[in-house]
N, C-alpha and C. Protein backbone atom coordinates (compact mmCIF):
# COMPACT_ATOMS: atom_id res chain seq x y z
N MET A 1 -0.07 -17.43 17.20
CA MET A 1 -0.28 -17.57 15.76
C MET A 1 1.09 -18.60 15.65
N SER A 2 0.63 -19.64 14.75
CA SER A 2 2.03 -20.57 14.55
C SER A 2 2.17 -20.31 12.91
N VAL A 3 3.29 -20.32 13.02
CA VAL A 3 4.03 -19.81 11.19
C VAL A 3 4.36 -21.04 10.76
N ARG A 4 4.27 -21.38 9.52
CA ARG A 4 4.48 -22.07 8.59
C ARG A 4 5.53 -21.90 7.45
N ILE A 5 6.03 -22.47 6.91
CA ILE A 5 7.01 -22.34 5.64
C ILE A 5 6.32 -23.37 5.00
N ARG A 6 5.48 -22.87 3.87
CA ARG A 6 5.12 -23.72 2.74
C ARG A 6 4.79 -23.46 1.41
N LEU A 7 4.34 -24.47 0.33
CA LEU A 7 4.32 -24.05 -0.82
C LEU A 7 2.96 -23.46 -1.33
N ARG A 8 2.77 -22.32 -2.19
CA ARG A 8 1.95 -22.03 -2.82
C ARG A 8 1.71 -22.09 -4.48
N ARG A 9 0.92 -22.58 -4.54
CA ARG A 9 0.80 -23.01 -6.09
C ARG A 9 0.75 -21.72 -6.93
N GLU A 10 1.45 -21.52 -7.91
CA GLU A 10 1.51 -20.65 -9.06
C GLU A 10 1.57 -21.18 -10.53
N GLY A 11 1.41 -20.77 -11.54
CA GLY A 11 1.87 -21.24 -12.89
C GLY A 11 0.31 -21.33 -13.37
N ARG A 12 0.47 -21.79 -14.57
CA ARG A 12 -0.72 -22.55 -15.42
C ARG A 12 -1.02 -23.80 -15.27
N LYS A 13 -1.99 -24.33 -15.77
CA LYS A 13 -2.33 -25.92 -15.98
C LYS A 13 -1.40 -26.84 -16.73
N LYS A 14 -1.17 -27.85 -15.85
CA LYS A 14 0.15 -28.71 -16.60
C LYS A 14 1.74 -28.25 -16.60
N LEU A 15 1.73 -26.94 -15.79
CA LEU A 15 3.08 -26.57 -15.90
C LEU A 15 3.34 -25.55 -14.29
N PRO A 16 3.09 -26.45 -13.27
CA PRO A 16 3.30 -25.99 -11.94
C PRO A 16 4.38 -25.21 -11.68
N MET A 17 4.08 -23.84 -10.72
CA MET A 17 5.44 -23.24 -10.29
C MET A 17 5.10 -23.26 -9.03
N TYR A 18 5.88 -23.48 -8.19
CA TYR A 18 5.51 -22.96 -6.65
C TYR A 18 6.21 -21.88 -5.90
N ARG A 19 5.55 -21.12 -5.11
CA ARG A 19 6.51 -20.14 -4.40
C ARG A 19 6.68 -20.76 -2.91
N ILE A 20 7.82 -20.89 -2.11
CA ILE A 20 8.13 -20.81 -0.99
C ILE A 20 7.66 -19.83 -0.15
N VAL A 21 6.54 -20.02 0.62
CA VAL A 21 6.09 -18.81 1.45
C VAL A 21 6.19 -18.90 3.10
N VAL A 22 6.01 -17.95 4.08
CA VAL A 22 5.97 -17.95 5.31
C VAL A 22 4.94 -17.44 5.32
N ALA A 23 3.83 -18.43 6.17
CA ALA A 23 2.27 -17.71 6.37
C ALA A 23 1.88 -18.32 7.59
N ASP A 24 0.78 -17.62 8.30
CA ASP A 24 0.12 -18.21 9.32
C ASP A 24 -0.45 -19.61 9.24
N SER A 25 -0.29 -20.49 9.81
CA SER A 25 -1.21 -21.92 9.45
C SER A 25 -2.43 -21.83 9.42
N ARG A 26 -2.99 -21.03 9.68
CA ARG A 26 -4.69 -20.86 9.70
C ARG A 26 -4.89 -20.12 8.14
N SER A 27 -4.40 -19.83 7.49
CA SER A 27 -4.55 -19.29 6.09
C SER A 27 -4.78 -19.95 4.92
N PRO A 28 -5.26 -20.12 4.14
CA PRO A 28 -5.66 -21.09 2.85
C PRO A 28 -4.42 -20.99 2.35
N ARG A 29 -4.31 -22.09 1.31
CA ARG A 29 -2.99 -22.15 0.45
C ARG A 29 -2.89 -21.06 -0.34
N GLU A 30 -4.01 -20.54 -1.23
CA GLU A 30 -3.77 -19.52 -1.98
C GLU A 30 -3.94 -18.02 -1.30
N GLY A 31 -4.06 -18.23 0.36
CA GLY A 31 -4.60 -17.13 0.70
C GLY A 31 -3.34 -16.08 1.20
N LYS A 32 -3.65 -15.07 2.20
CA LYS A 32 -2.69 -14.36 2.85
C LYS A 32 -1.23 -14.98 3.04
N PHE A 33 0.08 -14.58 3.32
CA PHE A 33 1.16 -14.70 3.63
C PHE A 33 1.77 -13.84 4.09
N ILE A 34 3.20 -13.93 4.58
CA ILE A 34 4.00 -13.03 5.41
C ILE A 34 5.03 -12.47 4.49
N GLU A 35 5.83 -13.65 3.78
CA GLU A 35 6.67 -13.45 3.01
C GLU A 35 7.06 -14.33 1.96
N ILE A 36 7.70 -14.21 0.87
CA ILE A 36 7.95 -14.99 -0.29
C ILE A 36 9.60 -14.93 0.02
N ILE A 37 9.93 -16.13 0.46
CA ILE A 37 11.42 -16.82 0.71
C ILE A 37 12.18 -17.61 -0.57
N GLY A 38 11.24 -17.87 -1.45
CA GLY A 38 11.87 -18.80 -2.62
C GLY A 38 10.70 -19.24 -3.54
N GLN A 39 11.47 -19.83 -4.62
CA GLN A 39 10.49 -20.83 -5.60
C GLN A 39 11.04 -21.95 -5.91
N TYR A 40 10.10 -22.79 -6.40
CA TYR A 40 10.29 -24.02 -6.75
C TYR A 40 9.77 -24.61 -8.07
N ALA A 41 10.07 -24.88 -9.18
CA ALA A 41 9.76 -25.31 -10.48
C ALA A 41 10.09 -26.64 -10.73
N PRO A 42 9.17 -27.68 -9.96
CA PRO A 42 9.45 -29.07 -10.37
C PRO A 42 9.96 -29.69 -11.70
N ARG A 43 9.46 -28.81 -12.85
CA ARG A 43 10.03 -29.20 -13.95
C ARG A 43 11.07 -28.61 -14.55
N GLY A 44 11.70 -27.73 -13.62
CA GLY A 44 12.64 -26.78 -14.03
C GLY A 44 14.02 -27.31 -13.82
N GLY A 45 14.09 -28.47 -13.96
CA GLY A 45 15.47 -29.46 -14.21
C GLY A 45 16.67 -28.91 -13.29
N ASP A 46 17.82 -28.44 -13.80
CA ASP A 46 18.81 -28.06 -12.58
C ASP A 46 18.55 -27.14 -11.96
N GLN A 47 17.94 -25.98 -12.28
CA GLN A 47 17.47 -24.78 -11.79
C GLN A 47 16.08 -24.60 -11.18
N ALA A 48 15.75 -25.50 -10.27
CA ALA A 48 14.57 -25.65 -10.00
C ALA A 48 13.89 -25.14 -8.52
N ILE A 49 15.12 -24.78 -7.73
CA ILE A 49 14.72 -24.42 -6.53
C ILE A 49 15.43 -22.81 -6.53
N THR A 50 15.10 -21.82 -5.85
CA THR A 50 15.76 -20.80 -5.80
C THR A 50 15.21 -20.28 -4.46
N LEU A 51 16.36 -20.21 -3.54
CA LEU A 51 15.87 -19.97 -2.08
C LEU A 51 16.68 -18.45 -1.72
N LYS A 52 16.03 -17.73 -1.01
CA LYS A 52 16.95 -16.68 0.16
C LYS A 52 17.13 -17.32 1.58
N GLN A 53 18.47 -18.29 1.42
CA GLN A 53 18.81 -18.80 2.70
C GLN A 53 18.82 -18.16 3.89
N ASP A 54 19.40 -16.78 3.68
CA ASP A 54 19.60 -16.08 5.17
C ASP A 54 17.82 -15.79 5.59
N ARG A 55 16.95 -15.45 4.75
CA ARG A 55 15.59 -15.30 5.26
C ARG A 55 15.16 -16.73 5.75
N ALA A 56 15.17 -17.89 5.32
CA ALA A 56 15.00 -19.32 5.60
C ALA A 56 15.44 -19.38 7.27
N ASN A 57 16.54 -18.98 7.09
CA ASN A 57 17.22 -19.42 8.53
C ASN A 57 16.52 -18.54 9.60
N TYR A 58 16.47 -17.27 9.25
CA TYR A 58 15.58 -16.44 10.10
C TYR A 58 14.49 -16.85 10.48
N TRP A 59 13.74 -17.32 9.48
CA TRP A 59 12.30 -17.73 10.21
C TRP A 59 12.29 -19.17 10.77
N LEU A 60 13.09 -19.95 10.35
CA LEU A 60 13.57 -21.38 11.34
C LEU A 60 14.30 -20.97 12.49
N ASP A 61 14.86 -19.73 12.83
CA ASP A 61 15.39 -19.31 14.05
C ASP A 61 14.22 -18.87 14.96
N ASN A 62 13.15 -18.22 14.62
CA ASN A 62 12.26 -17.68 15.12
C ASN A 62 10.92 -18.88 15.21
N GLY A 63 11.29 -19.84 15.19
CA GLY A 63 10.28 -20.92 15.54
C GLY A 63 9.32 -21.42 14.29
N ALA A 64 9.41 -21.03 13.06
CA ALA A 64 8.49 -21.20 11.93
C ALA A 64 8.92 -22.79 11.47
N GLN A 65 7.46 -23.59 11.40
CA GLN A 65 7.49 -24.96 10.90
C GLN A 65 7.89 -25.14 9.31
N PRO A 66 8.52 -26.05 8.86
CA PRO A 66 8.48 -26.04 7.58
C PRO A 66 7.36 -27.35 7.34
N SER A 67 6.72 -27.35 6.10
CA SER A 67 5.96 -28.34 5.68
C SER A 67 6.98 -29.70 5.28
N ASP A 68 6.22 -30.94 5.40
CA ASP A 68 6.87 -31.84 4.87
C ASP A 68 7.74 -31.78 3.40
N THR A 69 7.02 -31.22 2.38
CA THR A 69 7.83 -30.92 1.08
C THR A 69 8.67 -29.77 1.43
N VAL A 70 8.52 -28.67 1.93
CA VAL A 70 9.29 -27.91 2.10
C VAL A 70 10.58 -28.10 3.02
N ARG A 71 10.61 -29.01 3.78
CA ARG A 71 11.68 -29.70 4.56
C ARG A 71 12.68 -30.56 3.67
N SER A 72 11.92 -31.10 2.67
CA SER A 72 12.97 -31.64 1.93
C SER A 72 13.18 -30.98 0.96
N LEU A 73 12.91 -29.71 0.55
CA LEU A 73 13.37 -29.29 -0.37
C LEU A 73 14.64 -28.21 0.23
N LEU A 74 14.37 -27.71 1.45
CA LEU A 74 15.63 -27.16 2.24
C LEU A 74 16.54 -28.00 2.46
N ARG A 75 16.34 -29.38 2.45
CA ARG A 75 17.34 -30.31 2.57
C ARG A 75 18.09 -30.45 1.43
N LYS A 76 17.42 -30.55 0.15
CA LYS A 76 18.01 -30.59 -1.18
C LYS A 76 18.95 -29.20 -1.30
N ALA A 77 18.51 -27.93 -0.97
CA ALA A 77 19.31 -26.81 -1.12
C ALA A 77 20.38 -26.77 -0.17
N GLY A 78 20.33 -27.50 0.85
CA GLY A 78 21.52 -27.54 1.76
C GLY A 78 21.60 -26.75 2.81
N VAL A 79 20.24 -25.98 3.12
CA VAL A 79 19.98 -25.12 4.73
C VAL A 79 20.23 -25.94 5.48
N LEU A 80 19.41 -27.19 5.57
CA LEU A 80 19.26 -27.78 6.94
C LEU A 80 20.60 -28.27 7.21
N LYS A 81 21.50 -28.93 6.41
CA LYS A 81 22.81 -29.41 6.68
C LYS A 81 23.74 -28.17 7.60
N ALA A 82 23.69 -27.01 6.72
CA ALA A 82 24.78 -26.05 7.13
C ALA A 82 24.20 -25.42 8.37
N ARG A 83 22.66 -25.74 8.87
CA ARG A 83 22.24 -25.07 10.38
C ARG A 83 22.80 -26.41 11.08
N HIS A 84 22.66 -27.59 10.70
CA HIS A 84 23.03 -28.85 11.83
C HIS A 84 24.62 -28.64 12.12
N GLU A 85 25.45 -28.01 10.94
CA GLU A 85 26.86 -28.24 10.97
C GLU A 85 27.22 -26.92 11.98
N ALA A 86 26.48 -25.76 11.82
CA ALA A 86 26.57 -24.61 12.92
C ALA A 86 26.30 -24.75 14.07
N ARG A 87 25.30 -25.60 14.33
CA ARG A 87 24.82 -26.05 15.98
C ARG A 87 25.94 -26.94 16.50
N LEU A 88 26.07 -28.00 15.67
CA LEU A 88 27.57 -28.70 16.12
C LEU A 88 28.70 -28.20 16.31
N ALA A 89 29.01 -27.08 15.42
CA ALA A 89 30.30 -26.74 15.74
C ALA A 89 30.16 -25.78 17.05
N THR A 90 29.08 -25.14 17.47
CA THR A 90 28.98 -24.40 18.67
C THR A 90 29.17 -25.08 19.76
N LYS A 91 28.50 -26.36 19.75
CA LYS A 91 28.21 -27.20 21.01
C LYS A 91 29.85 -27.68 20.98
N LEU A 92 30.51 -28.31 20.05
CA LEU A 92 31.90 -28.63 20.35
C LEU A 92 32.78 -27.39 21.04
N THR A 93 32.71 -26.51 20.30
CA THR A 93 33.75 -25.41 20.78
C THR A 93 33.20 -25.09 22.04
N ALA A 94 32.00 -25.28 22.73
CA ALA A 94 31.71 -24.92 24.34
C ALA A 94 32.36 -26.25 24.83
N ALA A 95 32.27 -27.43 24.28
CA ALA A 95 32.53 -28.52 25.25
C ALA A 95 34.08 -28.37 25.17
N ALA A 96 34.94 -28.03 24.31
CA ALA A 96 36.47 -27.92 24.15
C ALA A 96 37.04 -27.50 25.64
N VAL A 97 37.80 -28.02 25.96
CA VAL A 97 38.50 -27.99 27.24
C VAL A 97 40.02 -27.21 26.56
N PRO A 98 40.77 -25.94 27.12
CA PRO A 98 41.85 -25.59 26.52
C PRO A 98 42.91 -26.49 27.17
N LEU A 99 44.05 -26.58 26.36
CA LEU A 99 45.09 -27.32 27.12
C LEU A 99 45.89 -26.29 27.88
N LYS A 100 46.57 -26.86 28.92
CA LYS A 100 47.65 -26.06 29.64
C LYS A 100 48.72 -26.41 29.32
N GLU A 101 49.75 -25.39 28.96
CA GLU A 101 51.26 -25.61 28.36
C GLU A 101 51.82 -26.00 29.72
N SER A 102 52.80 -27.04 29.13
CA SER A 102 53.86 -27.62 30.05
C SER A 102 55.03 -26.44 30.47
N ALA A 103 55.16 -26.46 31.40
CA ALA A 103 56.47 -25.28 32.04
C ALA A 103 57.99 -26.41 31.58
N GLU A 104 58.46 -26.25 30.40
CA GLU A 104 60.07 -26.81 30.35
C GLU A 104 60.99 -25.75 30.03
């Protein structure tokens, strides 16, 4: 079962609102989903994206693949940058060599 993070359309005609859901990739767009992790209102202005960042990170850590649109929304929300910086920080601390103190 491959898990995707994608958009599910809600709202009325000419006023779309999307929920960011975690779903099986074989289920239809408006079909069954596992969890709602946020919502996106393209006409919402400054408050367009609301996202549970901890749940998004959990699903990304467990192998869920975001769709192209959700990937750009995660980038705008700062989730992907924080994940990248955390991964880079652990790599740098693992590669760091401790300095020996000189005996004077």
